[in-house]
Amino acid sequence: MQTCSVSCVKQHKQISGCTGQRDKTNYVPIREFTETHLLSDYRFLEEAGRKVDIASKDARRFHSKSRPIRVTTFLKHARQRGVDLRLMPYPMTKRKINTSIYQYASKSVHWRVEWVFPHEQLTFIDKGFKDSQLLTEGVERHIQAYLQSHTSSCLQASNAVQIHPDLSLYTEEGGHSYHILMKVEGLPGKKERFYKMDIDKSLCDNLCGKRVIEFPRLLVIPVHLANTYLILSKEEETELQKPPHLQQQHITSQCLRPRYTEEEIFDPNSSIYSA
């Protein structure tokens, strides 16, 4: 998009949500693939190679055997609770900011949890959310705190016009008007699925049997917008829980084509090309 000035660029980014950077992982059909895309992909691989090289140089923190005791303990107790917890190498941002820990006094895992309201562009962070707590406790505590703080600020600033997201839409008399989702990890880039969490159960019960990268990032979605997210089906969940080699076997067996004779293949009028 053509722009005329810096202020025009800033306005475009604010209105469209564009960062000004190309989506390096965006799918490009082969018929639209050009030398520009090839050069861009090559530079993307070079950049990834540089970051891997930098990470490998920090061998002490990169190696799993040199993890601090608190990290090893947290990993052990999370997996004992049925969570398929995966930790990233230390230089990665999620590894640095993860404050999750196992508390010996309460004998519970205190998770770092990110509560994301994507449609309101808000994120709240719990640095020590007990795995025995209900999901509704965390969501409603942040909603009430947000509503109270912004209601008081609006009353004090009577001359100023302040526009804040209305989180009161997420609560209603006698129930909840939101769903809590978590992205399924380990799927191909274009196949995005979400777990639908049970809001009346604890965090521990909800994370059991699911893969978590460092810490859970939970999306709080209004009920009327929940159908825009693809929920992981029971069949997909069963397939995902299989060992990787069995998953590949299953996928390959579905994608096998029937064998054709050599005459059929070299005959341009053959019925195998009718589709």
C-alpha atoms as a PDB file:
ATOM      1  CA  MET A   1       0.000   0.000   0.000  1.00  0.00           C
ATOM      2  CA  GLN A   2       1.377   3.383  -0.970  1.00  0.00           C
ATOM      3  CA  THR A   3       1.776   5.984   1.760  1.00  0.00           C
ATOM      4  CA  CYS A   4       2.741   9.648   1.724  1.00  0.00           C
ATOM      5  CA  SER A   5       4.264  10.306   5.146  1.00  0.00           C
ATOM      6  CA  VAL A   6       5.184   8.792   8.507  1.00  0.00           C
ATOM      7  CA  SER A   7       1.874   9.890  10.023  1.00  0.00           C
ATOM      8  CA  CYS A   8       0.068   8.187   7.134  1.00  0.00           C
ATOM      9  CA  VAL A   9       1.968   4.952   7.805  1.00  0.00           C
ATOM     10  CA  LYS A  10       1.129   5.096  11.519  1.00  0.00           C
ATOM     11  CA  GLN A  11      -2.534   5.723  10.751  1.00  0.00           C
ATOM     12  CA  HIS A  12      -2.612   2.798   8.324  1.00  0.00           C
ATOM     13  CA  LYS A  13      -1.053   0.481  10.937  1.00  0.00           C
ATOM     14  CA  GLN A  14      -3.522   1.605  13.589  1.00  0.00           C
ATOM     15  CA  ILE A  15      -6.619   1.202  11.401  1.00  0.00           C
ATOM     16  CA  SER A  16      -5.720  -2.058   9.647  1.00  0.00           C
ATOM     17  CA  GLY A  17      -3.682  -3.713  12.397  1.00  0.00           C
ATOM     18  CA  CYS A  18      -0.797  -4.114   9.927  1.00  0.00           C
ATOM     19  CA  THR A  19       2.734  -4.266  11.366  1.00  0.00           C
ATOM     20  CA  GLY A  20       4.406  -3.201   8.128  1.00  0.00           C
ATOM     21  CA  GLN A  21       6.268  -6.504   7.903  1.00  0.00           C
ATOM     22  CA  ARG A  22       5.597  -9.343   5.495  1.00  0.00           C
ATOM     23  CA  ASP A  23       4.075 -12.526   6.888  1.00  0.00           C
ATOM     24  CA  LYS A  24       7.019 -14.871   6.395  1.00  0.00           C
ATOM     25  CA  THR A  25       4.956 -18.028   6.892  1.00  0.00           C
ATOM     26  CA  ASN A  26       1.988 -17.050   4.735  1.00  0.00           C
ATOM     27  CA  TYR A  27       0.997 -19.712   2.190  1.00  0.00           C
ATOM     28  CA  VAL A  28       1.733 -18.827  -1.459  1.00  0.00           C
ATOM     29  CA  PRO A  29       0.305 -21.060  -4.240  1.00  0.00           C
ATOM     30  CA  ILE A  30       2.921 -22.466  -6.609  1.00  0.00           C
ATOM     31  CA  ARG A  31       1.423 -20.609  -9.577  1.00  0.00           C
ATOM     32  CA  GLU A  32       1.955 -17.296  -7.752  1.00  0.00           C
ATOM     33  CA  PHE A  33       5.435 -18.171  -6.484  1.00  0.00           C
ATOM     34  CA  THR A  34       8.045 -15.766  -7.879  1.00  0.00           C
ATOM     35  CA  GLU A  35      11.763 -15.130  -7.480  1.00  0.00           C
ATOM     36  CA  THR A  36      10.912 -12.530  -4.840  1.00  0.00           C
ATOM     37  CA  HIS A  37       9.236 -15.191  -2.703  1.00  0.00           C
ATOM     38  CA  LEU A  38      12.201 -17.529  -3.244  1.00  0.00           C
ATOM     39  CA  LEU A  39      14.677 -14.864  -2.127  1.00  0.00           C
ATOM     40  CA  SER A  40      12.495 -13.990   0.856  1.00  0.00           C
ATOM     41  CA  ASP A  41      12.268 -17.643   1.932  1.00  0.00           C
ATOM     42  CA  TYR A  42      16.030 -18.023   1.534  1.00  0.00           C
ATOM     43  CA  ARG A  43      16.646 -15.031   3.806  1.00  0.00           C
ATOM     44  CA  PHE A  44      14.108 -16.398   6.284  1.00  0.00           C
ATOM     45  CA  LEU A  45      16.037 -19.699   6.469  1.00  0.00           C
ATOM     46  CA  GLU A  46      19.300 -17.778   6.874  1.00  0.00           C
ATOM     47  CA  GLU A  47      17.817 -15.812   9.769  1.00  0.00           C
ATOM     48  CA  ALA A  48      16.553 -19.012  11.401  1.00  0.00           C
ATOM     49  CA  GLY A  49      19.998 -20.576  10.994  1.00  0.00           C
ATOM     50  CA  ARG A  50      21.645 -17.604  12.693  1.00  0.00           C
ATOM     51  CA  LYS A  51      19.277 -17.786  15.657  1.00  0.00           C
ATOM     52  CA  VAL A  52      19.831 -21.520  16.055  1.00  0.00           C
ATOM     53  CA  ASP A  53      23.585 -20.944  15.986  1.00  0.00           C
ATOM     54  CA  ILE A  54      23.338 -18.226  18.633  1.00  0.00           C
ATOM     55  CA  ALA A  55      21.159 -20.435  20.845  1.00  0.00           C
ATOM     56  CA  SER A  56      23.511 -23.412  20.544  1.00  0.00           C
ATOM     57  CA  LYS A  57      26.447 -21.307  21.775  1.00  0.00           C
ATOM     58  CA  ASP A  58      24.782 -20.923  25.150  1.00  0.00           C
ATOM     59  CA  ALA A  59      25.371 -24.610  25.881  1.00  0.00           C
ATOM     60  CA  ARG A  60      25.063 -24.367  29.654  1.00  0.00           C
ATOM     61  CA  ARG A  61      21.507 -23.081  29.617  1.00  0.00           C
ATOM     62  CA  PHE A  62      20.522 -24.824  26.393  1.00  0.00           C
ATOM     63  CA  HIS A  63      21.285 -28.326  27.655  1.00  0.00           C
ATOM     64  CA  SER A  64      18.446 -29.997  29.561  1.00  0.00           C
ATOM     65  CA  LYS A  65      20.812 -31.531  32.137  1.00  0.00           C
ATOM     66  CA  SER A  66      21.907 -28.072  33.264  1.00  0.00           C
ATOM     67  CA  ARG A  67      18.391 -26.805  34.024  1.00  0.00           C
ATOM     68  CA  PRO A  68      17.896 -25.229  37.466  1.00  0.00           C
ATOM     69  CA  ILE A  69      16.333 -27.495  40.084  1.00  0.00           C
ATOM     70  CA  ARG A  70      13.155 -25.386  40.266  1.00  0.00           C
ATOM     71  CA  VAL A  71      12.616 -25.828  36.511  1.00  0.00           C
ATOM     72  CA  THR A  72      13.227 -29.580  36.654  1.00  0.00           C
ATOM     73  CA  THR A  73      10.855 -29.907  39.613  1.00  0.00           C
ATOM     74  CA  PHE A  74       8.179 -27.870  37.852  1.00  0.00           C
ATOM     75  CA  LEU A  75       8.517 -30.030  34.730  1.00  0.00           C
ATOM     76  CA  LYS A  76       8.322 -33.279  36.716  1.00  0.00           C
ATOM     77  CA  HIS A  77       5.212 -32.348  38.711  1.00  0.00           C
ATOM     78  CA  ALA A  78       3.425 -30.913  35.661  1.00  0.00           C
ATOM     79  CA  ARG A  79       3.951 -34.167  33.764  1.00  0.00           C
ATOM     80  CA  GLN A  80       2.855 -36.191  36.806  1.00  0.00           C
ATOM     81  CA  ARG A  81      -0.471 -34.359  36.498  1.00  0.00           C
ATOM     82  CA  GLY A  82      -0.828 -35.555  32.912  1.00  0.00           C
ATOM     83  CA  VAL A  83       0.287 -32.344  31.208  1.00  0.00           C
ATOM     84  CA  ASP A  84       2.427 -32.809  28.102  1.00  0.00           C
ATOM     85  CA  LEU A  85       4.659 -29.894  29.068  1.00  0.00           C
ATOM     86  CA  ARG A  86       7.363 -28.801  26.617  1.00  0.00           C
ATOM     87  CA  LEU A  87      10.082 -26.331  27.623  1.00  0.00           C
ATOM     88  CA  MET A  88      11.868 -24.153  25.088  1.00  0.00           C
ATOM     89  CA  PRO A  89      15.606 -23.365  24.978  1.00  0.00           C
ATOM     90  CA  TYR A  90      16.595 -20.594  27.374  1.00  0.00           C
ATOM     91  CA  PRO A  91      17.185 -17.789  24.832  1.00  0.00           C
ATOM     92  CA  MET A  92      13.549 -18.008  23.733  1.00  0.00           C
ATOM     93  CA  THR A  93      11.269 -15.329  25.179  1.00  0.00           C
ATOM     94  CA  LYS A  94       8.636 -17.719  26.569  1.00  0.00           C
ATOM     95  CA  ARG A  95      11.348 -19.561  28.526  1.00  0.00           C
ATOM     96  CA  LYS A  96      12.642 -16.305  30.008  1.00  0.00           C
ATOM     97  CA  ILE A  97       9.259 -14.955  31.127  1.00  0.00           C
ATOM     98  CA  ASN A  98       7.836 -18.247  32.417  1.00  0.00           C
ATOM     99  CA  THR A  99       7.329 -17.840  36.176  1.00  0.00           C
ATOM    100  CA  SER A 100       5.583 -21.208  36.664  1.00  0.00           C
ATOM    101  CA  ILE A 101       6.874 -23.140  39.659  1.00  0.00           C
ATOM    102  CA  TYR A 102       6.027 -26.032  41.963  1.00  0.00           C
ATOM    103  CA  GLN A 103       5.221 -24.961  45.522  1.00  0.00           C
ATOM    104  CA  TYR A 104       6.222 -27.542  48.141  1.00  0.00           C
ATOM    105  CA  ALA A 105       4.147 -25.861  50.863  1.00  0.00           C
ATOM    106  CA  SER A 106       0.829 -26.170  49.020  1.00  0.00           C
ATOM    107  CA  LYS A 107       1.936 -29.173  46.937  1.00  0.00           C
ATOM    108  CA  SER A 108       0.572 -27.553  43.806  1.00  0.00           C
ATOM    109  CA  VAL A 109       1.879 -26.153  40.569  1.00  0.00           C
ATOM    110  CA  HIS A 110       1.623 -22.372  40.324  1.00  0.00           C
ATOM    111  CA  TRP A 111       1.276 -21.590  36.623  1.00  0.00           C
ATOM    112  CA  ARG A 112       1.945 -18.458  34.693  1.00  0.00           C
ATOM    113  CA  VAL A 113      -1.342 -18.004  32.830  1.00  0.00           C
ATOM    114  CA  GLU A 114      -2.106 -15.466  30.112  1.00  0.00           C
ATOM    115  CA  TRP A 115      -5.798 -14.571  29.868  1.00  0.00           C
ATOM    116  CA  VAL A 116      -6.285 -13.133  26.396  1.00  0.00           C
ATOM    117  CA  PHE A 117      -9.404 -11.236  25.317  1.00  0.00           C
ATOM    118  CA  PRO A 118      -8.622 -11.115  21.569  1.00  0.00           C
ATOM    119  CA  HIS A 119     -11.777  -9.237  20.581  1.00  0.00           C
ATOM    120  CA  GLU A 120     -11.053  -6.541  23.179  1.00  0.00           C
ATOM    121  CA  GLN A 121      -7.273  -6.494  22.593  1.00  0.00           C
ATOM    122  CA  LEU A 122      -6.616  -7.095  26.283  1.00  0.00           C
ATOM    123  CA  THR A 123      -4.278  -9.512  28.048  1.00  0.00           C
ATOM    124  CA  PHE A 124      -4.098 -10.197  31.782  1.00  0.00           C
ATOM    125  CA  ILE A 125      -1.284 -12.212  33.345  1.00  0.00           C
ATOM    126  CA  ASP A 126      -1.298 -14.392  36.451  1.00  0.00           C
ATOM    127  CA  LYS A 127       2.254 -15.190  37.537  1.00  0.00           C
ATOM    128  CA  GLY A 128       1.182 -17.815  40.068  1.00  0.00           C
ATOM    129  CA  PHE A 129      -2.226 -19.325  39.299  1.00  0.00           C
ATOM    130  CA  LYS A 130      -2.786 -22.506  41.331  1.00  0.00           C
ATOM    131  CA  ASP A 131      -3.595 -25.581  39.288  1.00  0.00           C
ATOM    132  CA  SER A 132      -6.413 -26.377  41.745  1.00  0.00           C
ATOM    133  CA  GLN A 133      -8.241 -23.104  41.027  1.00  0.00           C
ATOM    134  CA  LEU A 134     -11.264 -22.979  38.743  1.00  0.00           C
ATOM    135  CA  LEU A 135     -10.865 -21.185  35.432  1.00  0.00           C
ATOM    136  CA  THR A 136     -13.826 -18.944  36.227  1.00  0.00           C
ATOM    137  CA  GLU A 137     -11.984 -17.619  39.296  1.00  0.00           C
ATOM    138  CA  GLY A 138      -9.157 -16.214  37.194  1.00  0.00           C
ATOM    139  CA  VAL A 139     -11.344 -14.776  34.428  1.00  0.00           C
ATOM    140  CA  GLU A 140     -13.919 -13.095  36.646  1.00  0.00           C
ATOM    141  CA  ARG A 141     -11.315 -11.695  39.034  1.00  0.00           C
ATOM    142  CA  HIS A 142      -9.596  -9.885  36.170  1.00  0.00           C
ATOM    143  CA  ILE A 143     -12.906  -8.742  34.671  1.00  0.00           C
ATOM    144  CA  GLN A 144     -14.115  -7.265  37.979  1.00  0.00           C
ATOM    145  CA  ALA A 145     -10.757  -5.592  38.675  1.00  0.00           C
ATOM    146  CA  TYR A 146     -10.745  -4.078  35.200  1.00  0.00           C
ATOM    147  CA  LEU A 147     -14.320  -2.804  35.464  1.00  0.00           C
ATOM    148  CA  GLN A 148     -13.700  -1.252  38.886  1.00  0.00           C
ATOM    149  CA  SER A 149     -10.472   0.490  37.866  1.00  0.00           C
ATOM    150  CA  HIS A 150     -11.858   1.976  34.664  1.00  0.00           C
ATOM    151  CA  THR A 151     -15.183   2.975  36.227  1.00  0.00           C
ATOM    152  CA  SER A 152     -13.360   5.010  38.886  1.00  0.00           C
ATOM    153  CA  SER A 153     -10.983   6.561  36.329  1.00  0.00           C
ATOM    154  CA  CYS A 154     -13.921   7.649  34.146  1.00  0.00           C
ATOM    155  CA  LEU A 155     -15.650   9.289  37.131  1.00  0.00           C
ATOM    156  CA  GLN A 156     -12.513  11.238  38.044  1.00  0.00           C
ATOM    157  CA  ALA A 157     -11.874  12.434  34.469  1.00  0.00           C
ATOM    158  CA  SER A 158     -15.277  14.010  33.836  1.00  0.00           C
ATOM    159  CA  ASN A 159     -13.999  16.415  31.177  1.00  0.00           C
ATOM    160  CA  ALA A 160     -12.104  13.777  29.192  1.00  0.00           C
ATOM    161  CA  VAL A 161     -13.785  11.285  26.893  1.00  0.00           C
ATOM    162  CA  GLN A 162     -12.353   7.817  27.561  1.00  0.00           C
ATOM    163  CA  ILE A 163     -13.270   4.737  25.560  1.00  0.00           C
ATOM    164  CA  HIS A 164     -12.490   1.359  27.142  1.00  0.00           C
ATOM    165  CA  PRO A 165     -13.500  -2.172  26.178  1.00  0.00           C
ATOM    166  CA  ASP A 166     -16.759  -3.168  27.843  1.00  0.00           C
ATOM    167  CA  LEU A 167     -15.949  -6.373  29.726  1.00  0.00           C
ATOM    168  CA  SER A 168     -19.355  -6.348  31.396  1.00  0.00           C
ATOM    169  CA  LEU A 169     -20.578  -8.177  28.279  1.00  0.00           C
ATOM    170  CA  TYR A 170     -18.670 -11.251  29.470  1.00  0.00           C
ATOM    171  CA  THR A 171     -20.720 -11.634  32.645  1.00  0.00           C
ATOM    172  CA  GLU A 172     -24.430 -12.049  33.106  1.00  0.00           C
ATOM    173  CA  GLU A 173     -26.945 -12.925  35.809  1.00  0.00           C
ATOM    174  CA  GLY A 174     -26.873 -16.579  36.776  1.00  0.00           C
ATOM    175  CA  GLY A 175     -24.195 -17.727  34.303  1.00  0.00           C
ATOM    176  CA  HIS A 176     -21.316 -16.906  31.992  1.00  0.00           C
ATOM    177  CA  SER A 177     -21.362 -15.385  28.544  1.00  0.00           C
ATOM    178  CA  TYR A 178     -17.936 -16.554  27.434  1.00  0.00           C
ATOM    179  CA  HIS A 179     -15.996 -19.643  26.425  1.00  0.00           C
ATOM    180  CA  ILE A 180     -12.355 -20.364  27.238  1.00  0.00           C
ATOM    181  CA  LEU A 181     -10.246 -21.833  24.447  1.00  0.00           C
ATOM    182  CA  MET A 182      -6.624 -22.935  24.160  1.00  0.00           C
ATOM    183  CA  LYS A 183      -4.763 -23.416  20.909  1.00  0.00           C
ATOM    184  CA  VAL A 184      -3.760 -26.987  20.079  1.00  0.00           C
ATOM    185  CA  GLU A 185       0.024 -27.271  19.783  1.00  0.00           C
ATOM    186  CA  GLY A 186       1.795 -29.617  17.386  1.00  0.00           C
ATOM    187  CA  LEU A 187      -0.505 -29.222  14.376  1.00  0.00           C
ATOM    188  CA  PRO A 188       0.575 -28.086  10.879  1.00  0.00           C
ATOM    189  CA  GLY A 189       0.683 -24.322  10.426  1.00  0.00           C
ATOM    190  CA  LYS A 190      -2.505 -23.988   8.367  1.00  0.00           C
ATOM    191  CA  LYS A 191      -4.539 -26.453  10.453  1.00  0.00           C
ATOM    192  CA  GLU A 192      -5.450 -24.359  13.473  1.00  0.00           C
ATOM    193  CA  ARG A 193      -7.610 -25.990  16.133  1.00  0.00           C
ATOM    194  CA  PHE A 194      -8.601 -25.098  19.699  1.00  0.00           C
ATOM    195  CA  TYR A 195      -9.445 -26.996  22.848  1.00  0.00           C
ATOM    196  CA  LYS A 196     -12.692 -25.938  24.501  1.00  0.00           C
ATOM    197  CA  MET A 197     -11.925 -25.760  28.207  1.00  0.00           C
ATOM    198  CA  ASP A 198     -14.443 -26.662  30.899  1.00  0.00           C
ATOM    199  CA  ILE A 199     -14.899 -23.410  32.838  1.00  0.00           C
ATOM    200  CA  ASP A 200     -16.368 -25.239  35.845  1.00  0.00           C
ATOM    201  CA  LYS A 201     -13.257 -27.395  36.306  1.00  0.00           C
ATOM    202  CA  SER A 202      -9.814 -26.598  37.665  1.00  0.00           C
ATOM    203  CA  LEU A 203      -6.820 -25.634  35.573  1.00  0.00           C
ATOM    204  CA  CYS A 204      -5.199 -28.988  36.402  1.00  0.00           C
ATOM    205  CA  ASP A 205      -8.194 -30.948  35.089  1.00  0.00           C
ATOM    206  CA  ASN A 206      -8.326 -28.872  31.920  1.00  0.00           C
ATOM    207  CA  LEU A 207      -4.621 -29.223  31.117  1.00  0.00           C
ATOM    208  CA  CYS A 208      -4.550 -32.991  31.693  1.00  0.00           C
ATOM    209  CA  GLY A 209      -3.819 -34.805  28.423  1.00  0.00           C
ATOM    210  CA  LYS A 210      -2.988 -31.605  26.537  1.00  0.00           C
ATOM    211  CA  ARG A 211       0.310 -30.277  25.212  1.00  0.00           C
ATOM    212  CA  VAL A 212       1.477 -26.981  26.717  1.00  0.00           C
ATOM    213  CA  ILE A 213       4.446 -24.947  25.493  1.00  0.00           C
ATOM    214  CA  GLU A 214       5.943 -23.384  28.649  1.00  0.00           C
ATOM    215  CA  PHE A 215       2.636 -22.056  30.074  1.00  0.00           C
ATOM    216  CA  PRO A 216      -1.058 -21.956  29.106  1.00  0.00           C
ATOM    217  CA  ARG A 217      -2.346 -19.070  27.018  1.00  0.00           C
ATOM    218  CA  LEU A 218      -6.128 -19.063  27.340  1.00  0.00           C
ATOM    219  CA  LEU A 219      -8.471 -17.173  25.020  1.00  0.00           C
ATOM    220  CA  VAL A 220     -11.655 -15.730  26.513  1.00  0.00           C
ATOM    221  CA  ILE A 221     -14.229 -15.578  23.712  1.00  0.00           C
ATOM    222  CA  PRO A 222     -17.797 -14.173  23.833  1.00  0.00           C
ATOM    223  CA  VAL A 223     -20.426 -16.868  23.337  1.00  0.00           C
ATOM    224  CA  HIS A 224     -21.799 -15.332  20.140  1.00  0.00           C
ATOM    225  CA  LEU A 225     -18.320 -15.379  18.537  1.00  0.00           C
ATOM    226  CA  ALA A 226     -17.228 -18.862  19.660  1.00  0.00           C
ATOM    227  CA  ASN A 227     -18.446 -20.481  16.421  1.00  0.00           C
ATOM    228  CA  THR A 228     -15.719 -18.630  14.490  1.00  0.00           C
ATOM    229  CA  TYR A 229     -13.074 -20.861  16.107  1.00  0.00           C
ATOM    230  CA  LEU A 230     -12.478 -24.444  14.968  1.00  0.00           C
ATOM    231  CA  ILE A 231     -12.770 -26.756  17.981  1.00  0.00           C
ATOM    232  CA  LEU A 232     -10.727 -29.961  18.002  1.00  0.00           C
ATOM    233  CA  SER A 233     -13.029 -32.909  17.345  1.00  0.00           C
ATOM    234  CA  LYS A 234     -12.918 -36.181  19.298  1.00  0.00           C
ATOM    235  CA  GLU A 235     -11.498 -38.021  16.266  1.00  0.00           C
ATOM    236  CA  GLU A 236      -8.740 -35.452  15.820  1.00  0.00           C
ATOM    237  CA  GLU A 237      -7.928 -35.537  19.523  1.00  0.00           C
ATOM    238  CA  THR A 238      -7.659 -39.336  19.470  1.00  0.00           C
ATOM    239  CA  GLU A 239      -5.369 -39.181  16.430  1.00  0.00           C
ATOM    240  CA  LEU A 240      -3.244 -36.474  18.043  1.00  0.00           C
ATOM    241  CA  GLN A 241      -2.667 -38.600  21.154  1.00  0.00           C
ATOM    242  CA  LYS A 242      -1.140 -41.432  19.117  1.00  0.00           C
ATOM    243  CA  PRO A 243       2.655 -41.758  18.853  1.00  0.00           C
ATOM    244  CA  PRO A 244       4.114 -39.748  15.932  1.00  0.00           C
ATOM    245  CA  HIS A 245       4.988 -42.815  13.851  1.00  0.00           C
ATOM    246  CA  LEU A 246       1.417 -44.102  14.125  1.00  0.00           C
ATOM    247  CA  GLN A 247       0.057 -40.686  13.161  1.00  0.00           C
ATOM    248  CA  GLN A 248       2.227 -40.686  10.060  1.00  0.00           C
ATOM    249  CA  GLN A 249       1.105 -44.229   9.232  1.00  0.00           C
ATOM    250  CA  HIS A 250      -2.516 -43.182   9.522  1.00  0.00           C
ATOM    251  CA  ILE A 251      -2.048 -40.112   7.335  1.00  0.00           C
ATOM    252  CA  THR A 252      -0.063 -42.008   4.736  1.00  0.00           C
ATOM    253  CA  SER A 253      -2.619 -44.805   4.497  1.00  0.00           C
ATOM    254  CA  GLN A 254      -5.343 -42.236   3.825  1.00  0.00           C
ATOM    255  CA  CYS A 255      -3.334 -40.485   1.143  1.00  0.00           C
ATOM    256  CA  LEU A 256      -2.262 -43.585  -0.805  1.00  0.00           C
ATOM    257  CA  ARG A 257      -3.390 -43.499  -4.426  1.00  0.00           C
ATOM    258  CA  PRO A 258      -4.397 -46.626  -6.353  1.00  0.00           C
ATOM    259  CA  ARG A 259      -1.686 -48.130  -8.516  1.00  0.00           C
ATOM    260  CA  TYR A 260      -2.088 -47.666 -12.265  1.00  0.00           C
ATOM    261  CA  THR A 261      -0.546 -49.563 -15.125  1.00  0.00           C
ATOM    262  CA  GLU A 262       2.189 -48.024 -17.249  1.00  0.00           C
ATOM    263  CA  GLU A 263      -0.156 -47.813 -20.248  1.00  0.00           C
ATOM    264  CA  GLU A 264      -2.725 -45.823 -18.264  1.00  0.00           C
ATOM    265  CA  ILE A 265      -0.113 -43.396 -17.014  1.00  0.00           C
ATOM    266  CA  PHE A 266       1.313 -42.631 -20.482  1.00  0.00           C
ATOM    267  CA  ASP A 267      -2.068 -42.458 -22.194  1.00  0.00           C
ATOM    268  CA  PRO A 268      -3.244 -38.800 -22.123  1.00  0.00           C
ATOM    269  CA  ASN A 269      -6.819 -39.902 -22.825  1.00  0.00           C
ATOM    270  CA  SER A 270      -6.895 -42.312 -19.917  1.00  0.00           C
ATOM    271  CA  SER A 271      -9.757 -42.042 -17.393  1.00  0.00           C
ATOM    272  CA  ILE A 272      -7.311 -41.497 -14.537  1.00  0.00           C
ATOM    273  CA  TYR A 273      -6.816 -37.912 -15.746  1.00  0.00           C
ATOM    274  CA  SER A 274     -10.534 -37.135 -16.017  1.00  0.00           C
ATOM    275  CA  ALA A 275     -10.674 -35.729 -12.498  1.00  0.00           C
END
